[in-house]
Amino acid sequence: MSLGWLDSVAPAMATTSPSVPDDSQATAELGPVDVAPEELNQWKRGFTPQAEIWNGRMAMVGLSVGLTVLLIARLAGRA
């Protein structure tokens, strides 16, 4: 069974290296950022570990407040 143009392309694709560069070396160079424990609560701007921690905290506060308001509104609507 002949696949036409695929027969001529498939062997070439199997022997050539991929055109996308290998990112394993780039990620090996970018290791985790060392942060002292006392620095985690500092308010820093940008994509820093401190900003991600505060982002998570504020998201949990917002979620908690939203669910509390929803619960109070539903309970008040039944009375």
PDB file of N, CA and C in Angstrom:
ATOM      1  N   MET A   1       0.846  -1.176   0.000  1.00  0.00           N
ATOM      2  CA  MET A   1       0.000   0.000   0.000  1.00  0.00           C
ATOM      3  C   MET A   1       0.888   1.235   0.000  1.00  0.00           C
ATOM      4  N   SER A   2       0.706   2.084  -0.957  1.00  0.00           N
ATOM      5  CA  SER A   2       1.524   3.279  -1.094  1.00  0.00           C
ATOM      6  C   SER A   2       0.771   4.484  -0.547  1.00  0.00           C
ATOM      7  N   LEU A   3       1.487   5.308   0.208  1.00  0.00           N
ATOM      8  CA  LEU A   3       0.875   6.508   0.771  1.00  0.00           C
ATOM      9  C   LEU A   3       1.258   7.762   0.005  1.00  0.00           C
ATOM     10  N   GLY A   4       1.848   7.594  -1.146  1.00  0.00           N
ATOM     11  CA  GLY A   4       2.179   8.728  -1.994  1.00  0.00           C
ATOM     12  C   GLY A   4       3.306   9.568  -1.411  1.00  0.00           C
ATOM     13  N   TRP A   5       3.059  10.840  -1.193  1.00  0.00           N
ATOM     14  CA  TRP A   5       4.077  11.768  -0.723  1.00  0.00           C
ATOM     15  C   TRP A   5       4.604  11.401   0.666  1.00  0.00           C
ATOM     16  N   LEU A   6       3.797  10.693   1.469  1.00  0.00           N
ATOM     17  CA  LEU A   6       4.222  10.333   2.817  1.00  0.00           C
ATOM     18  C   LEU A   6       5.368   9.315   2.780  1.00  0.00           C
ATOM     19  N   ASP A   7       5.408   8.468   1.762  1.00  0.00           N
ATOM     20  CA  ASP A   7       6.496   7.497   1.640  1.00  0.00           C
ATOM     21  C   ASP A   7       7.846   8.191   1.475  1.00  0.00           C
ATOM     22  N   SER A   8       7.869   9.308   0.782  1.00  0.00           N
ATOM     23  CA  SER A   8       9.139  10.000   0.567  1.00  0.00           C
ATOM     24  C   SER A   8       9.512  10.901   1.745  1.00  0.00           C
ATOM     25  N   VAL A   9       8.542  11.323   2.529  1.00  0.00           N
ATOM     26  CA  VAL A   9       8.810  12.241   3.636  1.00  0.00           C
ATOM     27  C   VAL A   9       9.145  11.493   4.919  1.00  0.00           C
ATOM     28  N   ALA A  10       8.495  10.376   5.177  1.00  0.00           N
ATOM     29  CA  ALA A  10       8.666   9.664   6.439  1.00  0.00           C
ATOM     30  C   ALA A  10      10.104   9.241   6.707  1.00  0.00           C
ATOM     31  N   PRO A  11      10.866   8.680   5.749  1.00  0.00           N
ATOM     32  CA  PRO A  11      12.259   8.330   6.048  1.00  0.00           C
ATOM     33  C   PRO A  11      13.112   9.557   6.355  1.00  0.00           C
ATOM     34  N   ALA A  12      12.861  10.657   5.682  1.00  0.00           N
ATOM     35  CA  ALA A  12      13.628  11.875   5.934  1.00  0.00           C
ATOM     36  C   ALA A  12      13.321  12.426   7.321  1.00  0.00           C
ATOM     37  N   MET A  13      12.095  12.325   7.743  1.00  0.00           N
ATOM     38  CA  MET A  13      11.720  12.821   9.067  1.00  0.00           C
ATOM     39  C   MET A  13      12.336  11.967  10.168  1.00  0.00           C
ATOM     40  N   ALA A  14      12.482  10.694   9.931  1.00  0.00           N
ATOM     41  CA  ALA A  14      13.024   9.796  10.942  1.00  0.00           C
ATOM     42  C   ALA A  14      14.515   9.995  11.140  1.00  0.00           C
ATOM     43  N   THR A  15      15.229  10.458  10.103  1.00  0.00           N
ATOM     44  CA  THR A  15      16.681  10.578  10.212  1.00  0.00           C
ATOM     45  C   THR A  15      17.134  11.975  10.593  1.00  0.00           C
ATOM     46  N   THR A  16      16.292  12.988  10.468  1.00  0.00           N
ATOM     47  CA  THR A  16      16.719  14.345  10.784  1.00  0.00           C
ATOM     48  C   THR A  16      16.385  14.690  12.224  1.00  0.00           C
ATOM     49  N   SER A  17      17.126  15.621  12.760  1.00  0.00           N
ATOM     50  CA  SER A  17      16.861  16.065  14.123  1.00  0.00           C
ATOM     51  C   SER A  17      15.670  17.021  14.108  1.00  0.00           C
ATOM     52  N   PRO A  18      14.978  17.149  15.206  1.00  0.00           N
ATOM     53  CA  PRO A  18      13.819  18.037  15.235  1.00  0.00           C
ATOM     54  C   PRO A  18      14.248  19.488  15.076  1.00  0.00           C
ATOM     55  N   SER A  19      13.386  20.291  14.455  1.00  0.00           N
ATOM     56  CA  SER A  19      13.711  21.697  14.236  1.00  0.00           C
ATOM     57  C   SER A  19      13.470  22.519  15.501  1.00  0.00           C
ATOM     58  N   VAL A  20      12.758  21.967  16.462  1.00  0.00           N
ATOM     59  CA  VAL A  20      12.512  22.674  17.713  1.00  0.00           C
ATOM     60  C   VAL A  20      13.705  22.437  18.627  1.00  0.00           C
ATOM     61  N   PRO A  21      14.271  23.508  19.206  1.00  0.00           N
ATOM     62  CA  PRO A  21      15.440  23.311  20.066  1.00  0.00           C
ATOM     63  C   PRO A  21      15.071  22.563  21.338  1.00  0.00           C
ATOM     64  N   ASP A  22      16.044  21.841  21.855  1.00  0.00           N
ATOM     65  CA  ASP A  22      15.844  21.070  23.072  1.00  0.00           C
ATOM     66  C   ASP A  22      15.865  22.019  24.269  1.00  0.00           C
ATOM     67  N   ASP A  23      14.780  22.046  25.042  1.00  0.00           N
ATOM     68  CA  ASP A  23      14.675  22.950  26.181  1.00  0.00           C
ATOM     69  C   ASP A  23      15.227  22.350  27.469  1.00  0.00           C
ATOM     70  N   SER A  24      15.724  21.136  27.429  1.00  0.00           N
ATOM     71  CA  SER A  24      16.206  20.517  28.656  1.00  0.00           C
ATOM     72  C   SER A  24      17.428  21.243  29.203  1.00  0.00           C
ATOM     73  N   GLN A  25      18.268  21.784  28.325  1.00  0.00           N
ATOM     74  CA  GLN A  25      19.429  22.526  28.796  1.00  0.00           C
ATOM     75  C   GLN A  25      19.016  23.873  29.363  1.00  0.00           C
ATOM     76  N   ALA A  26      18.024  24.517  28.775  1.00  0.00           N
ATOM     77  CA  ALA A  26      17.576  25.820  29.261  1.00  0.00           C
ATOM     78  C   ALA A  26      16.950  25.689  30.645  1.00  0.00           C
ATOM     79  N   THR A  27      16.166  24.644  30.866  1.00  0.00           N
ATOM     80  CA  THR A  27      15.545  24.490  32.172  1.00  0.00           C
ATOM     81  C   THR A  27      16.561  24.057  33.210  1.00  0.00           C
ATOM     82  N   ALA A  28      17.637  23.385  32.788  1.00  0.00           N
ATOM     83  CA  ALA A  28      18.668  22.988  33.735  1.00  0.00           C
ATOM     84  C   ALA A  28      19.414  24.218  34.249  1.00  0.00           C
ATOM     85  N   GLU A  29      19.555  25.234  33.406  1.00  0.00           N
ATOM     86  CA  GLU A  29      20.228  26.457  33.816  1.00  0.00           C
ATOM     87  C   GLU A  29      19.363  27.285  34.754  1.00  0.00           C
ATOM     88  N   LEU A  30      18.060  27.223  34.607  1.00  0.00           N
ATOM     89  CA  LEU A  30      17.143  27.989  35.441  1.00  0.00           C
ATOM     90  C   LEU A  30      16.692  27.136  36.611  1.00  0.00           C
ATOM     91  N   GLY A  31      17.427  27.177  37.665  1.00  0.00           N
ATOM     92  CA  GLY A  31      17.080  26.397  38.840  1.00  0.00           C
ATOM     93  C   GLY A  31      16.099  27.157  39.719  1.00  0.00           C
ATOM     94  N   PRO A  32      15.686  26.561  40.811  1.00  0.00           N
ATOM     95  CA  PRO A  32      14.775  27.238  41.720  1.00  0.00           C
ATOM     96  C   PRO A  32      15.455  28.439  42.373  1.00  0.00           C
ATOM     97  N   VAL A  33      14.658  29.429  42.682  1.00  0.00           N
ATOM     98  CA  VAL A  33      15.169  30.644  43.298  1.00  0.00           C
ATOM     99  C   VAL A  33      15.298  30.418  44.795  1.00  0.00           C
ATOM    100  N   ASP A  34      16.480  30.662  45.339  1.00  0.00           N
ATOM    101  CA  ASP A  34      16.682  30.526  46.775  1.00  0.00           C
ATOM    102  C   ASP A  34      16.157  31.767  47.479  1.00  0.00           C
ATOM    103  N   VAL A  35      15.241  31.555  48.414  1.00  0.00           N
ATOM    104  CA  VAL A  35      14.627  32.652  49.154  1.00  0.00           C
ATOM    105  C   VAL A  35      14.705  32.320  50.630  1.00  0.00           C
ATOM    106  N   ALA A  36      15.174  33.274  51.420  1.00  0.00           N
ATOM    107  CA  ALA A  36      15.238  33.068  52.863  1.00  0.00           C
ATOM    108  C   ALA A  36      13.817  33.076  53.437  1.00  0.00           C
ATOM    109  N   PRO A  37      13.558  32.306  54.486  1.00  0.00           N
ATOM    110  CA  PRO A  37      12.203  32.237  55.054  1.00  0.00           C
ATOM    111  C   PRO A  37      11.650  33.597  55.485  1.00  0.00           C
ATOM    112  N   GLU A  38      12.506  34.493  55.971  1.00  0.00           N
ATOM    113  CA  GLU A  38      11.998  35.800  56.403  1.00  0.00           C
ATOM    114  C   GLU A  38      11.615  36.692  55.228  1.00  0.00           C
ATOM    115  N   GLU A  39      12.068  36.355  54.029  1.00  0.00           N
ATOM    116  CA  GLU A  39      11.723  37.152  52.854  1.00  0.00           C
ATOM    117  C   GLU A  39      10.378  36.765  52.246  1.00  0.00           C
ATOM    118  N   LEU A  40       9.819  35.631  52.619  1.00  0.00           N
ATOM    119  CA  LEU A  40       8.590  35.172  51.973  1.00  0.00           C
ATOM    120  C   LEU A  40       7.393  36.062  52.277  1.00  0.00           C
ATOM    121  N   ASN A  41       7.401  36.780  53.387  1.00  0.00           N
ATOM    122  CA  ASN A  41       6.278  37.645  53.734  1.00  0.00           C
ATOM    123  C   ASN A  41       6.468  39.075  53.273  1.00  0.00           C
ATOM    124  N   GLN A  42       7.574  39.396  52.628  1.00  0.00           N
ATOM    125  CA  GLN A  42       7.785  40.748  52.142  1.00  0.00           C
ATOM    126  C   GLN A  42       6.906  41.004  50.932  1.00  0.00           C
ATOM    127  N   TRP A  43       6.481  42.242  50.807  1.00  0.00           N
ATOM    128  CA  TRP A  43       5.624  42.631  49.687  1.00  0.00           C
ATOM    129  C   TRP A  43       6.520  43.076  48.541  1.00  0.00           C
ATOM    130  N   LYS A  44       6.685  42.219  47.534  1.00  0.00           N
ATOM    131  CA  LYS A  44       7.512  42.543  46.370  1.00  0.00           C
ATOM    132  C   LYS A  44       6.673  42.466  45.116  1.00  0.00           C
ATOM    133  N   ARG A  45       6.963  43.347  44.176  1.00  0.00           N
ATOM    134  CA  ARG A  45       6.223  43.366  42.921  1.00  0.00           C
ATOM    135  C   ARG A  45       6.926  42.493  41.889  1.00  0.00           C
ATOM    136  N   GLY A  46       6.161  42.066  40.892  1.00  0.00           N
ATOM    137  CA  GLY A  46       6.728  41.245  39.821  1.00  0.00           C
ATOM    138  C   GLY A  46       6.475  39.769  40.073  1.00  0.00           C
ATOM    139  N   PHE A  47       7.031  38.936  39.222  1.00  0.00           N
ATOM    140  CA  PHE A  47       6.859  37.490  39.346  1.00  0.00           C
ATOM    141  C   PHE A  47       7.934  36.933  40.280  1.00  0.00           C
ATOM    142  N   THR A  48       7.695  37.094  41.555  1.00  0.00           N
ATOM    143  CA  THR A  48       8.628  36.611  42.571  1.00  0.00           C
ATOM    144  C   THR A  48       7.907  35.596  43.438  1.00  0.00           C
ATOM    145  N   PRO A  49       8.637  34.765  44.166  1.00  0.00           N
ATOM    146  CA  PRO A  49       7.967  33.823  45.073  1.00  0.00           C
ATOM    147  C   PRO A  49       7.100  34.532  46.108  1.00  0.00           C
ATOM    148  N   GLN A  50       7.548  35.716  46.554  1.00  0.00           N
ATOM    149  CA  GLN A  50       6.776  36.457  47.532  1.00  0.00           C
ATOM    150  C   GLN A  50       5.439  36.915  46.940  1.00  0.00           C
ATOM    151  N   ALA A  51       5.465  37.389  45.708  1.00  0.00           N
ATOM    152  CA  ALA A  51       4.236  37.841  45.056  1.00  0.00           C
ATOM    153  C   ALA A  51       3.273  36.682  44.847  1.00  0.00           C
ATOM    154  N   GLU A  52       3.803  35.508  44.520  1.00  0.00           N
ATOM    155  CA  GLU A  52       2.941  34.340  44.323  1.00  0.00           C
ATOM    156  C   GLU A  52       2.301  33.903  45.641  1.00  0.00           C
ATOM    157  N   ILE A  53       3.036  34.002  46.731  1.00  0.00           N
ATOM    158  CA  ILE A  53       2.457  33.648  48.033  1.00  0.00           C
ATOM    159  C   ILE A  53       1.338  34.618  48.385  1.00  0.00           C
ATOM    160  N   TRP A  54       1.590  35.927  48.203  1.00  0.00           N
ATOM    161  CA  TRP A  54       0.537  36.906  48.514  1.00  0.00           C
ATOM    162  C   TRP A  54      -0.653  36.754  47.557  1.00  0.00           C
ATOM    163  N   ASN A  55      -0.413  36.416  46.317  1.00  0.00           N
ATOM    164  CA  ASN A  55      -1.492  36.188  45.371  1.00  0.00           C
ATOM    165  C   ASN A  55      -2.384  35.039  45.844  1.00  0.00           C
ATOM    166  N   GLY A  56      -1.782  33.963  46.302  1.00  0.00           N
ATOM    167  CA  GLY A  56      -2.553  32.832  46.822  1.00  0.00           C
ATOM    168  C   GLY A  56      -3.328  33.199  48.067  1.00  0.00           C
ATOM    169  N   ARG A  57      -2.710  33.956  48.955  1.00  0.00           N
ATOM    170  CA  ARG A  57      -3.401  34.381  50.177  1.00  0.00           C
ATOM    171  C   ARG A  57      -4.610  35.251  49.855  1.00  0.00           C
ATOM    172  N   MET A  58      -4.424  36.223  48.964  1.00  0.00           N
ATOM    173  CA  MET A  58      -5.532  37.119  48.609  1.00  0.00           C
ATOM    174  C   MET A  58      -6.631  36.371  47.857  1.00  0.00           C
ATOM    175  N   ALA A  59      -6.264  35.388  47.076  1.00  0.00           N
ATOM    176  CA  ALA A  59      -7.276  34.580  46.381  1.00  0.00           C
ATOM    177  C   ALA A  59      -8.111  33.801  47.387  1.00  0.00           C
ATOM    178  N   MET A  60      -7.475  33.253  48.415  1.00  0.00           N
ATOM    179  CA  MET A  60      -8.220  32.515  49.439  1.00  0.00           C
ATOM    180  C   MET A  60      -9.108  33.452  50.257  1.00  0.00           C
ATOM    181  N   VAL A  61      -8.639  34.655  50.554  1.00  0.00           N
ATOM    182  CA  VAL A  61      -9.474  35.628  51.268  1.00  0.00           C
ATOM    183  C   VAL A  61     -10.682  35.980  50.413  1.00  0.00           C
ATOM    184  N   GLY A  62     -10.466  36.245  49.135  1.00  0.00           N
ATOM    185  CA  GLY A  62     -11.577  36.583  48.246  1.00  0.00           C
ATOM    186  C   GLY A  62     -12.576  35.447  48.114  1.00  0.00           C
ATOM    187  N   LEU A  63     -12.085  34.233  48.006  1.00  0.00           N
ATOM    188  CA  LEU A  63     -12.970  33.077  47.914  1.00  0.00           C
ATOM    189  C   LEU A  63     -13.772  32.902  49.203  1.00  0.00           C
ATOM    190  N   SER A  64     -13.109  33.065  50.333  1.00  0.00           N
ATOM    191  CA  SER A  64     -13.799  32.919  51.618  1.00  0.00           C
ATOM    192  C   SER A  64     -14.868  33.992  51.803  1.00  0.00           C
ATOM    193  N   VAL A  65     -14.543  35.224  51.470  1.00  0.00           N
ATOM    194  CA  VAL A  65     -15.517  36.312  51.593  1.00  0.00           C
ATOM    195  C   VAL A  65     -16.682  36.087  50.637  1.00  0.00           C
ATOM    196  N   GLY A  66     -16.397  35.688  49.426  1.00  0.00           N
ATOM    197  CA  GLY A  66     -17.469  35.443  48.454  1.00  0.00           C
ATOM    198  C   GLY A  66     -18.403  34.329  48.888  1.00  0.00           C
ATOM    199  N   LEU A  67     -17.850  33.237  49.382  1.00  0.00           N
ATOM    200  CA  LEU A  67     -18.700  32.133  49.846  1.00  0.00           C
ATOM    201  C   LEU A  67     -19.490  32.518  51.086  1.00  0.00           C
ATOM    202  N   THR A  68     -18.897  33.313  51.976  1.00  0.00           N
ATOM    203  CA  THR A  68     -19.612  33.774  53.172  1.00  0.00           C
ATOM    204  C   THR A  68     -20.771  34.680  52.792  1.00  0.00           C
ATOM    205  N   VAL A  69     -20.550  35.601  51.884  1.00  0.00           N
ATOM    206  CA  VAL A  69     -21.628  36.487  51.425  1.00  0.00           C
ATOM    207  C   VAL A  69     -22.735  35.679  50.763  1.00  0.00           C
ATOM    208  N   LEU A  70     -22.366  34.697  49.955  1.00  0.00           N
ATOM    209  CA  LEU A  70     -23.355  33.852  49.302  1.00  0.00           C
ATOM    210  C   LEU A  70     -24.161  33.064  50.326  1.00  0.00           C
ATOM    211  N   LEU A  71     -23.509  32.510  51.320  1.00  0.00           N
ATOM    212  CA  LEU A  71     -24.201  31.755  52.364  1.00  0.00           C
ATOM    213  C   LEU A  71     -25.143  32.649  53.156  1.00  0.00           C
ATOM    214  N   ILE A  72     -24.689  33.821  53.540  1.00  0.00           N
ATOM    215  CA  ILE A  72     -25.554  34.752  54.301  1.00  0.00           C
ATOM    216  C   ILE A  72     -26.736  35.191  53.460  1.00  0.00           C
ATOM    217  N   ALA A  73     -26.508  35.468  52.185  1.00  0.00           N
ATOM    218  CA  ALA A  73     -27.604  35.900  51.318  1.00  0.00           C
ATOM    219  C   ALA A  73     -28.636  34.787  51.145  1.00  0.00           C
ATOM    220  N   ARG A  74     -28.203  33.557  51.011  1.00  0.00           N
ATOM    221  CA  ARG A  74     -29.149  32.438  50.875  1.00  0.00           C
ATOM    222  C   ARG A  74     -29.917  32.195  52.166  1.00  0.00           C
ATOM    223  N   LEU A  75     -29.206  32.284  53.300  1.00  0.00           N
ATOM    224  CA  LEU A  75     -29.893  32.080  54.578  1.00  0.00           C
ATOM    225  C   LEU A  75     -30.856  33.224  54.869  1.00  0.00           C
ATOM    226  N   ALA A  76     -30.516  34.448  54.495  1.00  0.00           N
ATOM    227  CA  ALA A  76     -31.403  35.594  54.707  1.00  0.00           C
ATOM    228  C   ALA A  76     -32.618  35.512  53.776  1.00  0.00           C
ATOM    229  N   GLY A  77     -32.467  34.923  52.633  1.00  0.00           N
ATOM    230  CA  GLY A  77     -33.576  34.799  51.679  1.00  0.00           C
ATOM    231  C   GLY A  77     -34.620  33.798  52.134  1.00  0.00           C
ATOM    232  N   ARG A  78     -34.265  32.850  52.975  1.00  0.00           N
ATOM    233  CA  ARG A  78     -35.224  31.850  53.460  1.00  0.00           C
ATOM    234  C   ARG A  78     -36.071  32.387  54.596  1.00  0.00           C
ATOM    235  N   ALA A  79     -35.609  33.369  55.324  1.00  0.00           N
ATOM    236  CA  ALA A  79     -36.354  33.860  56.488  1.00  0.00           C
ATOM    237  C   ALA A  79     -37.530  34.711  56.115  1.00  0.00           C
TER     238      ALA A  79
END
